[in-house]
Amino acid sequence: MSQIDEENNAYWSANVRLIKISLVIWALVSFGFGIVFRPLLSGIPVGGTDLGFWFAQQGSIIVFLVLIFFYAWRMNKLDQQFGVDEE
């Protein structure tokens, strides 16, 4: 295998790992906290409602937006690391 192929594999491996981590966080927050774990979170008050409802209505959206900005920031760092960034 050539040096370029190894660098490409390392770049895409890091990219896919970042995507998988982001998707797991997104699924845990939106589906897990908003639906599955909602009964466990119902006793914690947040803004006049319980934490499970808050995650279902607003928390998952906020976490999704944070994940978008985190992914863009981390991918820029990854691009710089592998020398494929935009100048």
C-alpha atoms as a PDB file:
ATOM      1  CA  MET A   1       0.000   0.000   0.000  1.00  0.00           C
ATOM      2  CA  SER A   2       1.327   3.421  -0.845  1.00  0.00           C
ATOM      3  CA  GLN A   3       1.776   6.333   1.552  1.00  0.00           C
ATOM      4  CA  ILE A   4      -1.114   8.233  -0.073  1.00  0.00           C
ATOM      5  CA  ASP A   5      -3.484   5.287   0.339  1.00  0.00           C
ATOM      6  CA  GLU A   6      -2.556   4.977   4.011  1.00  0.00           C
ATOM      7  CA  GLU A   7      -3.164   8.696   4.586  1.00  0.00           C
ATOM      8  CA  ASN A   8      -6.499   8.503   2.771  1.00  0.00           C
ATOM      9  CA  ASN A   9      -7.563   5.522   4.881  1.00  0.00           C
ATOM     10  CA  ALA A  10      -6.522   7.300   8.090  1.00  0.00           C
ATOM     11  CA  TYR A  11      -8.400  10.460   7.062  1.00  0.00           C
ATOM     12  CA  TRP A  12     -11.600   8.619   6.204  1.00  0.00           C
ATOM     13  CA  SER A  13     -11.336   6.415   9.271  1.00  0.00           C
ATOM     14  CA  ALA A  14     -11.173   9.516  11.474  1.00  0.00           C
ATOM     15  CA  ASN A  15     -14.048  11.103   9.515  1.00  0.00           C
ATOM     16  CA  VAL A  16     -16.296   8.044   9.867  1.00  0.00           C
ATOM     17  CA  ARG A  17     -15.427   7.729  13.565  1.00  0.00           C
ATOM     18  CA  LEU A  18     -16.465  11.365  14.113  1.00  0.00           C
ATOM     19  CA  ILE A  19     -19.726  10.784  12.241  1.00  0.00           C
ATOM     20  CA  LYS A  20     -20.503   7.663  14.282  1.00  0.00           C
ATOM     21  CA  ILE A  21     -19.857   9.441  17.576  1.00  0.00           C
ATOM     22  CA  SER A  22     -22.050  12.357  16.501  1.00  0.00           C
ATOM     23  CA  LEU A  23     -24.875  10.036  15.459  1.00  0.00           C
ATOM     24  CA  VAL A  24     -24.728   8.116  18.737  1.00  0.00           C
ATOM     25  CA  ILE A  25     -24.943  11.358  20.732  1.00  0.00           C
ATOM     26  CA  TRP A  26     -27.801  12.599  18.557  1.00  0.00           C
ATOM     27  CA  ALA A  27     -29.735   9.315  18.892  1.00  0.00           C
ATOM     28  CA  LEU A  28     -29.161   9.136  22.646  1.00  0.00           C
ATOM     29  CA  VAL A  29     -30.393  12.684  23.201  1.00  0.00           C
ATOM     30  CA  SER A  30     -33.327  12.706  20.781  1.00  0.00           C
ATOM     31  CA  PHE A  31     -34.614   9.148  21.078  1.00  0.00           C
ATOM     32  CA  GLY A  32     -33.126   8.098  24.407  1.00  0.00           C
ATOM     33  CA  PHE A  33     -33.724  11.117  26.613  1.00  0.00           C
ATOM     34  CA  GLY A  34     -36.864  12.279  24.818  1.00  0.00           C
ATOM     35  CA  ILE A  35     -38.674   8.926  24.577  1.00  0.00           C
ATOM     36  CA  VAL A  36     -37.022   5.916  26.238  1.00  0.00           C
ATOM     37  CA  PHE A  37     -35.688   7.541  29.421  1.00  0.00           C
ATOM     38  CA  ARG A  38     -38.463  10.134  29.724  1.00  0.00           C
ATOM     39  CA  PRO A  39     -40.145   8.419  32.701  1.00  0.00           C
ATOM     40  CA  LEU A  40     -36.834   8.461  34.569  1.00  0.00           C
ATOM     41  CA  LEU A  41     -36.354  12.167  33.843  1.00  0.00           C
ATOM     42  CA  SER A  42     -39.921  13.216  34.675  1.00  0.00           C
ATOM     43  CA  GLY A  43     -39.106  14.207  38.253  1.00  0.00           C
ATOM     44  CA  ILE A  44     -36.451  16.783  37.303  1.00  0.00           C
ATOM     45  CA  PRO A  45     -38.027  20.214  36.710  1.00  0.00           C
ATOM     46  CA  VAL A  46     -36.670  22.444  33.942  1.00  0.00           C
ATOM     47  CA  GLY A  47     -38.372  25.682  32.904  1.00  0.00           C
ATOM     48  CA  GLY A  48     -41.801  24.715  34.236  1.00  0.00           C
ATOM     49  CA  THR A  49     -41.795  21.218  32.758  1.00  0.00           C
ATOM     50  CA  ASP A  50     -39.917  17.971  33.298  1.00  0.00           C
ATOM     51  CA  LEU A  51     -36.505  17.227  31.816  1.00  0.00           C
ATOM     52  CA  GLY A  52     -37.740  14.424  29.538  1.00  0.00           C
ATOM     53  CA  PHE A  53     -40.299  16.693  27.877  1.00  0.00           C
ATOM     54  CA  TRP A  54     -37.699  19.448  27.571  1.00  0.00           C
ATOM     55  CA  PHE A  55     -35.302  17.090  25.764  1.00  0.00           C
ATOM     56  CA  ALA A  56     -38.086  15.944  23.447  1.00  0.00           C
ATOM     57  CA  GLN A  57     -39.113  19.491  22.557  1.00  0.00           C
ATOM     58  CA  GLN A  58     -36.013  21.674  22.752  1.00  0.00           C
ATOM     59  CA  GLY A  59     -33.024  19.839  24.141  1.00  0.00           C
ATOM     60  CA  SER A  60     -32.593  17.561  21.163  1.00  0.00           C
ATOM     61  CA  ILE A  61     -32.731  20.530  18.777  1.00  0.00           C
ATOM     62  CA  ILE A  62     -30.114  22.428  20.762  1.00  0.00           C
ATOM     63  CA  VAL A  63     -27.854  19.372  20.951  1.00  0.00           C
ATOM     64  CA  PHE A  64     -28.303  18.810  17.198  1.00  0.00           C
ATOM     65  CA  LEU A  65     -27.216  22.398  16.459  1.00  0.00           C
ATOM     66  CA  VAL A  66     -24.220  22.055  18.786  1.00  0.00           C
ATOM     67  CA  LEU A  67     -23.274  18.810  17.009  1.00  0.00           C
ATOM     68  CA  ILE A  68     -23.391  20.568  13.626  1.00  0.00           C
ATOM     69  CA  PHE A  69     -20.988  23.280  14.772  1.00  0.00           C
ATOM     70  CA  PHE A  70     -18.756  20.755  16.570  1.00  0.00           C
ATOM     71  CA  TYR A  71     -18.591  18.563  13.454  1.00  0.00           C
ATOM     72  CA  ALA A  72     -17.673  21.525  11.240  1.00  0.00           C
ATOM     73  CA  TRP A  73     -14.995  22.698  13.698  1.00  0.00           C
ATOM     74  CA  ARG A  74     -13.545  19.204  14.143  1.00  0.00           C
ATOM     75  CA  MET A  75     -13.541  18.479  10.405  1.00  0.00           C
ATOM     76  CA  ASN A  76     -11.643  21.719   9.755  1.00  0.00           C
ATOM     77  CA  LYS A  77      -9.016  20.580  12.282  1.00  0.00           C
ATOM     78  CA  LEU A  78      -8.929  17.132  10.680  1.00  0.00           C
ATOM     79  CA  ASP A  79      -8.553  18.654   7.208  1.00  0.00           C
ATOM     80  CA  GLN A  80      -5.630  20.762   8.436  1.00  0.00           C
ATOM     81  CA  GLN A  81      -4.037  17.729  10.056  1.00  0.00           C
ATOM     82  CA  PHE A  82      -4.126  15.763   6.795  1.00  0.00           C
ATOM     83  CA  GLY A  83      -3.313  18.743   4.547  1.00  0.00           C
ATOM     84  CA  VAL A  84      -6.603  18.842   2.650  1.00  0.00           C
ATOM     85  CA  ASP A  85      -7.921  22.082   4.093  1.00  0.00           C
ATOM     86  CA  GLU A  86      -9.124  25.034   2.070  1.00  0.00           C
ATOM     87  CA  GLU A  87      -6.805  27.976   1.999  1.00  0.00           C
END
